[in-house]
């Protein structure tokens, strides 16, 4: 409220000073009365026209996506129709903090109606944060497909792979669907691509605690694997020596980045995990970057 008062006072003072300069308000006691002609009236109207919208303008806009200072805007979508992660609020807060620190705007929603051409067009990246189950209807799915095909970016976090099992296009976008997981435990993540923005600042052997997903299939060959799990460092992994845990790909004209990490609330306070997320968001937002999947021979084209 006080910000609004100071805003009003500053603009009002500016109008008064301008009026004095133009001669609409008296100065010294014996000063001759000003000549108030048609041109003066036009000048006053112009000043009021410029000032009035500012007087009524809020100090901050309601939607982050409208922030003109942001390099780009992202939409965090966290709707669930299955298991709901307690870490969703911490995930949203972490992404908001990353946006503030790195100059991009963040909106969050669980309203599927936001998945239309007009609303999605405001964002460079749509983030599925721990979504589960069926979360979009047919029209909303079609709008999201058009968004990616027109060059939009996608980031999937953890149970984004436990989402929309009956939507084949989404299966290609996410790379692989969730199958099962053991108990939360410590494990070692092996960085496979140290050049990617989401992994270049991470240790080559990254030790952390999370809920480690097993997938219905190995996505290697269709995506660019960024990091993989060492199943010898924890219990009940089911994918063997080749267990991708984070990857990216170009899909049609868009970009997709996924990490299976991020189950626990504590994850979103970890500096290294936040760097991992930041790199994923930044790369998904960059239309010039792309993330090419390797050829079947294992080399990136």
C-alpha atoms as a PDB file:
ATOM      1  CA  UNK A   1       0.000   0.000   0.000  1.00  0.00           C
ATOM      2  CA  UNK A   2       2.783   2.448   0.927  1.00  0.00           C
ATOM      3  CA  UNK A   3       4.424   1.736  -2.427  1.00  0.00           C
ATOM      4  CA  UNK A   4       1.256   2.878  -4.147  1.00  0.00           C
ATOM      5  CA  UNK A   5       1.151   6.064  -2.055  1.00  0.00           C
ATOM      6  CA  UNK A   6       4.750   6.978  -2.917  1.00  0.00           C
ATOM      7  CA  UNK A   7       4.051   6.130  -6.563  1.00  0.00           C
ATOM      8  CA  UNK A   8       1.066   8.534  -6.527  1.00  0.00           C
ATOM      9  CA  UNK A   9       3.057  11.294  -4.794  1.00  0.00           C
ATOM     10  CA  UNK A  10       5.966  11.049  -7.226  1.00  0.00           C
ATOM     11  CA  UNK A  11       3.770  11.277 -10.306  1.00  0.00           C
ATOM     12  CA  UNK A  12       1.642  14.078  -8.807  1.00  0.00           C
ATOM     13  CA  UNK A  13       4.790  16.101  -8.059  1.00  0.00           C
ATOM     14  CA  UNK A  14       5.964  15.581 -11.611  1.00  0.00           C
ATOM     15  CA  UNK A  15       2.672  16.894 -12.989  1.00  0.00           C
ATOM     16  CA  UNK A  16       2.815  19.941 -10.687  1.00  0.00           C
ATOM     17  CA  UNK A  17       6.396  20.776 -11.685  1.00  0.00           C
ATOM     18  CA  UNK A  18       5.542  20.423 -15.331  1.00  0.00           C
ATOM     19  CA  UNK A  19       2.569  22.710 -14.900  1.00  0.00           C
ATOM     20  CA  UNK A  20       4.756  25.304 -13.208  1.00  0.00           C
ATOM     21  CA  UNK A  21       7.213  25.150 -16.080  1.00  0.00           C
ATOM     22  CA  UNK A  22       4.420  25.658 -18.575  1.00  0.00           C
ATOM     23  CA  UNK A  23       3.077  28.554 -16.532  1.00  0.00           C
ATOM     24  CA  UNK A  24      -0.243  27.056 -15.385  1.00  0.00           C
ATOM     25  CA  UNK A  25       0.452  27.592 -11.671  1.00  0.00           C
ATOM     26  CA  UNK A  26       1.507  30.973 -10.083  1.00  0.00           C
ATOM     27  CA  UNK A  27       5.075  31.400  -8.880  1.00  0.00           C
ATOM     28  CA  UNK A  28       6.063  34.609  -6.998  1.00  0.00           C
ATOM     29  CA  UNK A  29       3.311  36.625  -5.288  1.00  0.00           C
ATOM     30  CA  UNK A  30       3.555  39.540  -7.720  1.00  0.00           C
ATOM     31  CA  UNK A  31       3.937  37.335 -10.783  1.00  0.00           C
ATOM     32  CA  UNK A  32       1.724  38.226 -13.681  1.00  0.00           C
ATOM     33  CA  UNK A  33      -1.183  35.803 -14.196  1.00  0.00           C
ATOM     34  CA  UNK A  34      -0.378  33.195 -16.836  1.00  0.00           C
ATOM     35  CA  UNK A  35      -1.877  33.295 -20.292  1.00  0.00           C
ATOM     36  CA  UNK A  36      -4.074  30.217 -20.631  1.00  0.00           C
ATOM     37  CA  UNK A  37      -4.723  29.638 -24.311  1.00  0.00           C
ATOM     38  CA  UNK A  38      -5.780  26.642 -26.426  1.00  0.00           C
ATOM     39  CA  UNK A  39      -2.199  25.362 -26.757  1.00  0.00           C
ATOM     40  CA  UNK A  40      -1.834  25.380 -22.971  1.00  0.00           C
ATOM     41  CA  UNK A  41      -5.044  23.410 -22.575  1.00  0.00           C
ATOM     42  CA  UNK A  42      -3.769  20.785 -24.996  1.00  0.00           C
ATOM     43  CA  UNK A  43      -0.530  20.491 -23.013  1.00  0.00           C
ATOM     44  CA  UNK A  44      -2.446  19.925 -19.751  1.00  0.00           C
ATOM     45  CA  UNK A  45      -4.619  17.256 -21.343  1.00  0.00           C
ATOM     46  CA  UNK A  46      -1.509  15.491 -22.631  1.00  0.00           C
ATOM     47  CA  UNK A  47       0.049  15.507 -19.158  1.00  0.00           C
ATOM     48  CA  UNK A  48      -3.075  14.103 -17.563  1.00  0.00           C
ATOM     49  CA  UNK A  49      -3.400  11.474 -20.272  1.00  0.00           C
ATOM     50  CA  UNK A  50       0.146  10.280 -19.563  1.00  0.00           C
ATOM     51  CA  UNK A  51      -0.203  10.417 -15.791  1.00  0.00           C
ATOM     52  CA  UNK A  52      -3.595   8.786 -15.260  1.00  0.00           C
ATOM     53  CA  UNK A  53      -2.687   5.271 -16.399  1.00  0.00           C
ATOM     54  CA  UNK A  54       0.415   5.397 -14.213  1.00  0.00           C
ATOM     55  CA  UNK A  55      -1.580   6.489 -11.170  1.00  0.00           C
ATOM     56  CA  UNK A  56      -3.771   3.441 -11.483  1.00  0.00           C
ATOM     57  CA  UNK A  57      -1.026   0.991 -12.376  1.00  0.00           C
ATOM     58  CA  UNK A  58      -0.022  -1.615  -9.793  1.00  0.00           C
ATOM     59  CA  UNK A  59       3.603  -1.747  -8.733  1.00  0.00           C
ATOM     60  CA  UNK A  60       3.868  -5.369  -9.913  1.00  0.00           C
ATOM     61  CA  UNK A  61       1.894  -7.219 -12.559  1.00  0.00           C
ATOM     62  CA  UNK A  62      -0.156 -10.212 -11.477  1.00  0.00           C
ATOM     63  CA  UNK A  63       1.273 -12.717 -13.962  1.00  0.00           C
ATOM     64  CA  UNK A  64       5.007 -13.355 -14.094  1.00  0.00           C
ATOM     65  CA  UNK A  65       4.726 -14.159 -17.797  1.00  0.00           C
ATOM     66  CA  UNK A  66       3.891 -10.497 -18.419  1.00  0.00           C
ATOM     67  CA  UNK A  67       7.106  -9.293 -16.796  1.00  0.00           C
ATOM     68  CA  UNK A  68       8.868  -7.300 -19.533  1.00  0.00           C
ATOM     69  CA  UNK A  69      12.216  -7.689 -17.761  1.00  0.00           C
ATOM     70  CA  UNK A  70      12.249 -11.503 -18.044  1.00  0.00           C
ATOM     71  CA  UNK A  71      14.305 -13.141 -20.807  1.00  0.00           C
ATOM     72  CA  UNK A  72      11.541 -15.685 -21.220  1.00  0.00           C
ATOM     73  CA  UNK A  73       8.611 -17.149 -19.293  1.00  0.00           C
ATOM     74  CA  UNK A  74       7.863 -20.679 -18.100  1.00  0.00           C
ATOM     75  CA  UNK A  75       4.642 -22.337 -16.956  1.00  0.00           C
ATOM     76  CA  UNK A  76       4.865 -24.871 -14.125  1.00  0.00           C
ATOM     77  CA  UNK A  77       2.026 -27.412 -14.315  1.00  0.00           C
ATOM     78  CA  UNK A  78       1.586 -29.705 -11.300  1.00  0.00           C
ATOM     79  CA  UNK A  79      -1.855 -31.265 -11.682  1.00  0.00           C
ATOM     80  CA  UNK A  80      -2.249 -34.839 -10.388  1.00  0.00           C
ATOM     81  CA  UNK A  81      -4.936 -37.475 -10.755  1.00  0.00           C
ATOM     82  CA  UNK A  82      -2.885 -40.226  -9.111  1.00  0.00           C
ATOM     83  CA  UNK A  83      -0.244 -40.102  -6.376  1.00  0.00           C
ATOM     84  CA  UNK A  84       0.470 -36.554  -5.196  1.00  0.00           C
ATOM     85  CA  UNK A  85       3.995 -35.634  -4.129  1.00  0.00           C
ATOM     86  CA  UNK A  86       4.414 -33.592  -0.971  1.00  0.00           C
ATOM     87  CA  UNK A  87       7.397 -31.914  -2.641  1.00  0.00           C
ATOM     88  CA  UNK A  88       5.338 -30.007  -5.230  1.00  0.00           C
ATOM     89  CA  UNK A  89       5.291 -26.718  -3.233  1.00  0.00           C
ATOM     90  CA  UNK A  90       9.057 -26.929  -2.716  1.00  0.00           C
ATOM     91  CA  UNK A  91       9.525 -27.611  -6.432  1.00  0.00           C
ATOM     92  CA  UNK A  92       7.478 -24.560  -7.394  1.00  0.00           C
ATOM     93  CA  UNK A  93       9.367 -22.397  -4.902  1.00  0.00           C
ATOM     94  CA  UNK A  94      12.726 -23.612  -6.230  1.00  0.00           C
ATOM     95  CA  UNK A  95      11.784 -22.875  -9.851  1.00  0.00           C
ATOM     96  CA  UNK A  96      10.502 -19.444  -8.859  1.00  0.00           C
ATOM     97  CA  UNK A  97      13.795 -18.740  -7.093  1.00  0.00           C
ATOM     98  CA  UNK A  98      15.754 -19.891 -10.143  1.00  0.00           C
ATOM     99  CA  UNK A  99      13.679 -17.546 -12.275  1.00  0.00           C
ATOM    100  CA  UNK A 100      14.335 -14.599  -9.978  1.00  0.00           C
ATOM    101  CA  UNK A 101      18.067 -15.343  -9.859  1.00  0.00           C
ATOM    102  CA  UNK A 102      18.447 -15.953 -13.591  1.00  0.00           C
ATOM    103  CA  UNK A 103      16.068 -13.536 -15.236  1.00  0.00           C
ATOM    104  CA  UNK A 104      13.145 -15.659 -16.397  1.00  0.00           C
ATOM    105  CA  UNK A 105       9.519 -15.356 -15.348  1.00  0.00           C
ATOM    106  CA  UNK A 106       7.534 -18.164 -13.741  1.00  0.00           C
ATOM    107  CA  UNK A 107       3.808 -18.877 -13.559  1.00  0.00           C
ATOM    108  CA  UNK A 108       2.325 -21.978 -11.957  1.00  0.00           C
ATOM    109  CA  UNK A 109      -1.064 -23.623 -12.434  1.00  0.00           C
ATOM    110  CA  UNK A 110      -3.100 -26.770 -11.982  1.00  0.00           C
ATOM    111  CA  UNK A 111      -5.813 -25.476 -14.300  1.00  0.00           C
ATOM    112  CA  UNK A 112      -5.842 -27.611 -17.455  1.00  0.00           C
ATOM    113  CA  UNK A 113      -7.787 -24.868 -19.237  1.00  0.00           C
ATOM    114  CA  UNK A 114      -4.492 -22.993 -19.571  1.00  0.00           C
ATOM    115  CA  UNK A 115      -3.599 -25.518 -22.262  1.00  0.00           C
ATOM    116  CA  UNK A 116      -4.884 -23.559 -25.225  1.00  0.00           C
ATOM    117  CA  UNK A 117      -3.046 -21.898 -28.097  1.00  0.00           C
ATOM    118  CA  UNK A 118      -3.302 -18.355 -26.699  1.00  0.00           C
ATOM    119  CA  UNK A 119      -2.178 -19.120 -23.150  1.00  0.00           C
ATOM    120  CA  UNK A 120       0.616 -21.510 -24.095  1.00  0.00           C
ATOM    121  CA  UNK A 121       1.934 -19.007 -26.626  1.00  0.00           C
ATOM    122  CA  UNK A 122       3.193 -16.826 -23.741  1.00  0.00           C
ATOM    123  CA  UNK A 123       5.745 -19.409 -22.623  1.00  0.00           C
ATOM    124  CA  UNK A 124       9.071 -20.675 -23.915  1.00  0.00           C
ATOM    125  CA  UNK A 125       8.900 -23.719 -21.620  1.00  0.00           C
ATOM    126  CA  UNK A 126       6.134 -25.771 -20.004  1.00  0.00           C
ATOM    127  CA  UNK A 127       7.277 -27.741 -16.958  1.00  0.00           C
ATOM    128  CA  UNK A 128       5.423 -30.848 -15.782  1.00  0.00           C
ATOM    129  CA  UNK A 129       6.378 -30.906 -12.105  1.00  0.00           C
ATOM    130  CA  UNK A 130       5.497 -34.246 -10.476  1.00  0.00           C
ATOM    131  CA  UNK A 131       2.322 -34.618 -12.493  1.00  0.00           C
ATOM    132  CA  UNK A 132       0.570 -37.999 -12.331  1.00  0.00           C
ATOM    133  CA  UNK A 133      -2.225 -39.761 -14.185  1.00  0.00           C
ATOM    134  CA  UNK A 134      -4.476 -38.256 -16.851  1.00  0.00           C
ATOM    135  CA  UNK A 135      -4.285 -34.484 -16.605  1.00  0.00           C
ATOM    136  CA  UNK A 136      -5.434 -33.092 -19.994  1.00  0.00           C
ATOM    137  CA  UNK A 137      -8.499 -33.668 -22.173  1.00  0.00           C
ATOM    138  CA  UNK A 138      -8.354 -34.252 -25.928  1.00  0.00           C
ATOM    139  CA  UNK A 139      -8.535 -30.563 -26.876  1.00  0.00           C
ATOM    140  CA  UNK A 140      -5.866 -29.620 -24.341  1.00  0.00           C
ATOM    141  CA  UNK A 141      -3.606 -32.409 -25.565  1.00  0.00           C
ATOM    142  CA  UNK A 142      -3.994 -31.155 -29.142  1.00  0.00           C
ATOM    143  CA  UNK A 143      -3.072 -27.611 -28.042  1.00  0.00           C
ATOM    144  CA  UNK A 144       0.028 -28.878 -26.244  1.00  0.00           C
ATOM    145  CA  UNK A 145       1.112 -30.885 -29.283  1.00  0.00           C
ATOM    146  CA  UNK A 146       0.752 -27.762 -31.441  1.00  0.00           C
ATOM    147  CA  UNK A 147       2.784 -25.812 -28.880  1.00  0.00           C
ATOM    148  CA  UNK A 148       5.726 -28.228 -29.091  1.00  0.00           C
ATOM    149  CA  UNK A 149       5.452 -28.560 -32.875  1.00  0.00           C
ATOM    150  CA  UNK A 150       5.659 -24.783 -33.182  1.00  0.00           C
ATOM    151  CA  UNK A 151       8.940 -24.718 -31.238  1.00  0.00           C
ATOM    152  CA  UNK A 152       7.940 -24.831 -27.573  1.00  0.00           C
ATOM    153  CA  UNK A 153      10.119 -26.356 -24.872  1.00  0.00           C
ATOM    154  CA  UNK A 154       9.160 -29.063 -22.376  1.00  0.00           C
ATOM    155  CA  UNK A 155      10.710 -30.009 -19.029  1.00  0.00           C
ATOM    156  CA  UNK A 156       9.560 -33.115 -17.165  1.00  0.00           C
ATOM    157  CA  UNK A 157      10.471 -33.641 -13.525  1.00  0.00           C
ATOM    158  CA  UNK A 158      10.297 -37.008 -11.723  1.00  0.00           C
ATOM    159  CA  UNK A 159       6.712 -38.328 -11.988  1.00  0.00           C
ATOM    160  CA  UNK A 160       6.097 -36.505 -15.251  1.00  0.00           C
ATOM    161  CA  UNK A 161       6.925 -40.015 -16.532  1.00  0.00           C
ATOM    162  CA  UNK A 162       4.033 -41.392 -14.422  1.00  0.00           C
ATOM    163  CA  UNK A 163       1.592 -39.378 -16.525  1.00  0.00           C
ATOM    164  CA  UNK A 164      -0.744 -39.905 -19.519  1.00  0.00           C
ATOM    165  CA  UNK A 165       0.043 -43.550 -20.277  1.00  0.00           C
ATOM    166  CA  UNK A 166      -2.605 -43.693 -23.019  1.00  0.00           C
ATOM    167  CA  UNK A 167      -1.203 -40.750 -24.997  1.00  0.00           C
ATOM    168  CA  UNK A 168       1.379 -42.090 -27.474  1.00  0.00           C
ATOM    169  CA  UNK A 169       2.667 -38.646 -28.466  1.00  0.00           C
ATOM    170  CA  UNK A 170       3.378 -37.845 -24.833  1.00  0.00           C
ATOM    171  CA  UNK A 171       5.217 -41.142 -24.534  1.00  0.00           C
ATOM    172  CA  UNK A 172       7.600 -39.926 -27.240  1.00  0.00           C
ATOM    173  CA  UNK A 173       7.891 -36.512 -25.601  1.00  0.00           C
ATOM    174  CA  UNK A 174       8.774 -37.877 -22.158  1.00  0.00           C
ATOM    175  CA  UNK A 175      11.038 -40.615 -23.542  1.00  0.00           C
ATOM    176  CA  UNK A 176      10.071 -43.471 -21.217  1.00  0.00           C
ATOM    177  CA  UNK A 177       7.261 -44.202 -18.776  1.00  0.00           C
ATOM    178  CA  UNK A 178       7.681 -45.104 -15.109  1.00  0.00           C
ATOM    179  CA  UNK A 179       7.506 -48.786 -14.150  1.00  0.00           C
ATOM    180  CA  UNK A 180       8.455 -49.064 -10.453  1.00  0.00           C
ATOM    181  CA  UNK A 181      10.767 -47.769  -7.736  1.00  0.00           C
ATOM    182  CA  UNK A 182      12.553 -49.106  -4.646  1.00  0.00           C
ATOM    183  CA  UNK A 183      12.676 -47.333  -1.293  1.00  0.00           C
ATOM    184  CA  UNK A 184      14.233 -43.870  -1.113  1.00  0.00           C
ATOM    185  CA  UNK A 185      17.981 -44.345  -0.698  1.00  0.00           C
ATOM    186  CA  UNK A 186      21.458 -43.125  -1.489  1.00  0.00           C
ATOM    187  CA  UNK A 187      22.849 -43.872  -4.980  1.00  0.00           C
ATOM    188  CA  UNK A 188      25.501 -42.690  -7.412  1.00  0.00           C
ATOM    189  CA  UNK A 189      24.531 -40.887 -10.609  1.00  0.00           C
ATOM    190  CA  UNK A 190      27.091 -41.155 -13.405  1.00  0.00           C
ATOM    191  CA  UNK A 191      27.272 -38.079 -15.655  1.00  0.00           C
ATOM    192  CA  UNK A 192      27.442 -39.209 -19.289  1.00  0.00           C
ATOM    193  CA  UNK A 193      27.342 -35.831 -21.041  1.00  0.00           C
ATOM    194  CA  UNK A 194      29.412 -33.214 -19.166  1.00  0.00           C
ATOM    195  CA  UNK A 195      28.825 -30.634 -21.917  1.00  0.00           C
ATOM    196  CA  UNK A 196      25.078 -30.218 -21.422  1.00  0.00           C
ATOM    197  CA  UNK A 197      23.942 -27.146 -19.424  1.00  0.00           C
ATOM    198  CA  UNK A 198      22.125 -29.408 -16.943  1.00  0.00           C
ATOM    199  CA  UNK A 199      25.157 -31.586 -16.186  1.00  0.00           C
ATOM    200  CA  UNK A 200      28.293 -29.567 -16.932  1.00  0.00           C
ATOM    201  CA  UNK A 201      28.587 -28.235 -13.362  1.00  0.00           C
ATOM    202  CA  UNK A 202      27.905 -31.567 -11.678  1.00  0.00           C
ATOM    203  CA  UNK A 203      30.525 -34.017 -10.364  1.00  0.00           C
ATOM    204  CA  UNK A 204      31.169 -36.949 -12.695  1.00  0.00           C
ATOM    205  CA  UNK A 205      30.050 -39.297  -9.891  1.00  0.00           C
ATOM    206  CA  UNK A 206      27.128 -37.503  -8.259  1.00  0.00           C
ATOM    207  CA  UNK A 207      26.039 -39.020  -4.962  1.00  0.00           C
ATOM    208  CA  UNK A 208      22.606 -38.150  -3.630  1.00  0.00           C
ATOM    209  CA  UNK A 209      19.416 -39.496  -2.040  1.00  0.00           C
ATOM    210  CA  UNK A 210      16.197 -39.839  -4.034  1.00  0.00           C
ATOM    211  CA  UNK A 211      13.507 -42.242  -5.182  1.00  0.00           C
ATOM    212  CA  UNK A 212      15.122 -44.015  -8.117  1.00  0.00           C
ATOM    213  CA  UNK A 213      12.761 -44.856 -10.969  1.00  0.00           C
ATOM    214  CA  UNK A 214      12.850 -47.991 -13.086  1.00  0.00           C
ATOM    215  CA  UNK A 215      11.321 -47.490 -16.535  1.00  0.00           C
ATOM    216  CA  UNK A 216       9.173 -49.617 -18.821  1.00  0.00           C
ATOM    217  CA  UNK A 217      11.869 -49.420 -21.487  1.00  0.00           C
ATOM    218  CA  UNK A 218      15.356 -48.047 -21.937  1.00  0.00           C
ATOM    219  CA  UNK A 219      15.087 -44.795 -23.959  1.00  0.00           C
ATOM    220  CA  UNK A 220      18.725 -44.837 -25.075  1.00  0.00           C
ATOM    221  CA  UNK A 221      18.969 -44.596 -28.847  1.00  0.00           C
ATOM    222  CA  UNK A 222      15.873 -42.372 -29.036  1.00  0.00           C
ATOM    223  CA  UNK A 223      17.118 -39.676 -26.643  1.00  0.00           C
ATOM    224  CA  UNK A 224      20.440 -38.194 -25.639  1.00  0.00           C
ATOM    225  CA  UNK A 225      21.279 -39.683 -22.249  1.00  0.00           C
ATOM    226  CA  UNK A 226      22.767 -37.078 -19.916  1.00  0.00           C
ATOM    227  CA  UNK A 227      23.089 -39.101 -16.725  1.00  0.00           C
ATOM    228  CA  UNK A 228      22.645 -42.722 -15.654  1.00  0.00           C
ATOM    229  CA  UNK A 229      22.396 -44.627 -12.389  1.00  0.00           C
ATOM    230  CA  UNK A 230      25.053 -46.991 -11.110  1.00  0.00           C
ATOM    231  CA  UNK A 231      22.848 -49.854  -9.907  1.00  0.00           C
ATOM    232  CA  UNK A 232      25.743 -51.348  -7.930  1.00  0.00           C
ATOM    233  CA  UNK A 233      25.451 -48.425  -5.483  1.00  0.00           C
ATOM    234  CA  UNK A 234      21.864 -49.050  -4.331  1.00  0.00           C
ATOM    235  CA  UNK A 235      19.273 -51.804  -3.988  1.00  0.00           C
ATOM    236  CA  UNK A 236      16.474 -53.012  -6.267  1.00  0.00           C
ATOM    237  CA  UNK A 237      17.278 -51.344  -9.545  1.00  0.00           C
ATOM    238  CA  UNK A 238      15.842 -53.423 -12.402  1.00  0.00           C
ATOM    239  CA  UNK A 239      17.476 -52.019 -15.547  1.00  0.00           C
ATOM    240  CA  UNK A 240      20.954 -53.442 -15.145  1.00  0.00           C
ATOM    241  CA  UNK A 241      24.223 -51.806 -16.168  1.00  0.00           C
ATOM    242  CA  UNK A 242      22.480 -49.246 -18.444  1.00  0.00           C
ATOM    243  CA  UNK A 243      20.003 -47.212 -16.405  1.00  0.00           C
ATOM    244  CA  UNK A 244      19.379 -43.699 -17.835  1.00  0.00           C
ATOM    245  CA  UNK A 245      18.036 -41.224 -15.287  1.00  0.00           C
ATOM    246  CA  UNK A 246      18.131 -37.874 -17.174  1.00  0.00           C
ATOM    247  CA  UNK A 247      17.975 -37.161 -20.905  1.00  0.00           C
ATOM    248  CA  UNK A 248      16.994 -34.694 -23.600  1.00  0.00           C
ATOM    249  CA  UNK A 249      15.837 -34.752 -27.204  1.00  0.00           C
ATOM    250  CA  UNK A 250      14.582 -32.616 -30.052  1.00  0.00           C
ATOM    251  CA  UNK A 251      11.039 -33.534 -30.970  1.00  0.00           C
ATOM    252  CA  UNK A 252       9.533 -32.074 -34.115  1.00  0.00           C
ATOM    253  CA  UNK A 253      10.391 -28.343 -33.787  1.00  0.00           C
ATOM    254  CA  UNK A 254      10.431 -28.415 -29.989  1.00  0.00           C
ATOM    255  CA  UNK A 255      12.791 -29.523 -27.234  1.00  0.00           C
ATOM    256  CA  UNK A 256      12.265 -31.975 -24.376  1.00  0.00           C
ATOM    257  CA  UNK A 257      14.361 -32.402 -21.213  1.00  0.00           C
ATOM    258  CA  UNK A 258      13.573 -34.910 -18.470  1.00  0.00           C
ATOM    259  CA  UNK A 259      15.027 -35.857 -15.104  1.00  0.00           C
ATOM    260  CA  UNK A 260      13.688 -38.720 -13.002  1.00  0.00           C
ATOM    261  CA  UNK A 261      15.098 -37.101  -9.872  1.00  0.00           C
ATOM    262  CA  UNK A 262      13.083 -34.784  -7.627  1.00  0.00           C
ATOM    263  CA  UNK A 263      10.849 -36.973  -5.453  1.00  0.00           C
ATOM    264  CA  UNK A 264      11.868 -35.576  -2.068  1.00  0.00           C
ATOM    265  CA  UNK A 265      11.228 -32.099  -0.725  1.00  0.00           C
ATOM    266  CA  UNK A 266      14.911 -31.927   0.237  1.00  0.00           C
ATOM    267  CA  UNK A 267      15.922 -32.306  -3.420  1.00  0.00           C
ATOM    268  CA  UNK A 268      14.744 -28.796  -4.230  1.00  0.00           C
ATOM    269  CA  UNK A 269      17.030 -27.256  -1.607  1.00  0.00           C
ATOM    270  CA  UNK A 270      20.128 -29.038  -2.960  1.00  0.00           C
ATOM    271  CA  UNK A 271      22.405 -26.574  -4.817  1.00  0.00           C
ATOM    272  CA  UNK A 272      23.542 -29.217  -7.320  1.00  0.00           C
ATOM    273  CA  UNK A 273      20.018 -30.405  -8.049  1.00  0.00           C
ATOM    274  CA  UNK A 274      18.908 -26.802  -8.591  1.00  0.00           C
ATOM    275  CA  UNK A 275      21.793 -26.347 -11.047  1.00  0.00           C
ATOM    276  CA  UNK A 276      20.583 -29.504 -12.798  1.00  0.00           C
ATOM    277  CA  UNK A 277      17.050 -28.063 -13.084  1.00  0.00           C
ATOM    278  CA  UNK A 278      18.293 -24.656 -14.182  1.00  0.00           C
ATOM    279  CA  UNK A 279      20.330 -26.147 -17.007  1.00  0.00           C
ATOM    280  CA  UNK A 280      17.340 -28.187 -18.156  1.00  0.00           C
ATOM    281  CA  UNK A 281      15.048 -25.168 -18.198  1.00  0.00           C
ATOM    282  CA  UNK A 282      17.614 -22.983 -19.968  1.00  0.00           C
ATOM    283  CA  UNK A 283      18.278 -25.572 -22.666  1.00  0.00           C
ATOM    284  CA  UNK A 284      14.580 -26.278 -23.237  1.00  0.00           C
ATOM    285  CA  UNK A 285      14.019 -22.540 -23.676  1.00  0.00           C
ATOM    286  CA  UNK A 286      16.722 -22.115 -26.315  1.00  0.00           C
ATOM    287  CA  UNK A 287      15.274 -22.612 -29.824  1.00  0.00           C
ATOM    288  CA  UNK A 288      18.759 -22.493 -31.344  1.00  0.00           C
ATOM    289  CA  UNK A 289      20.211 -25.214 -29.218  1.00  0.00           C
ATOM    290  CA  UNK A 290      18.230 -28.387 -29.714  1.00  0.00           C
ATOM    291  CA  UNK A 291      19.214 -31.712 -28.187  1.00  0.00           C
ATOM    292  CA  UNK A 292      19.915 -34.286 -30.835  1.00  0.00           C
ATOM    293  CA  UNK A 293      19.467 -37.931 -29.950  1.00  0.00           C
ATOM    294  CA  UNK A 294      22.410 -40.209 -30.780  1.00  0.00           C
ATOM    295  CA  UNK A 295      22.343 -42.478 -33.777  1.00  0.00           C
ATOM    296  CA  UNK A 296      21.909 -46.188 -33.180  1.00  0.00           C
ATOM    297  CA  UNK A 297      25.700 -46.442 -33.202  1.00  0.00           C
ATOM    298  CA  UNK A 298      25.821 -44.268 -30.087  1.00  0.00           C
ATOM    299  CA  UNK A 299      27.299 -41.097 -31.620  1.00  0.00           C
ATOM    300  CA  UNK A 300      25.462 -37.781 -31.647  1.00  0.00           C
ATOM    301  CA  UNK A 301      24.718 -36.731 -35.230  1.00  0.00           C
END
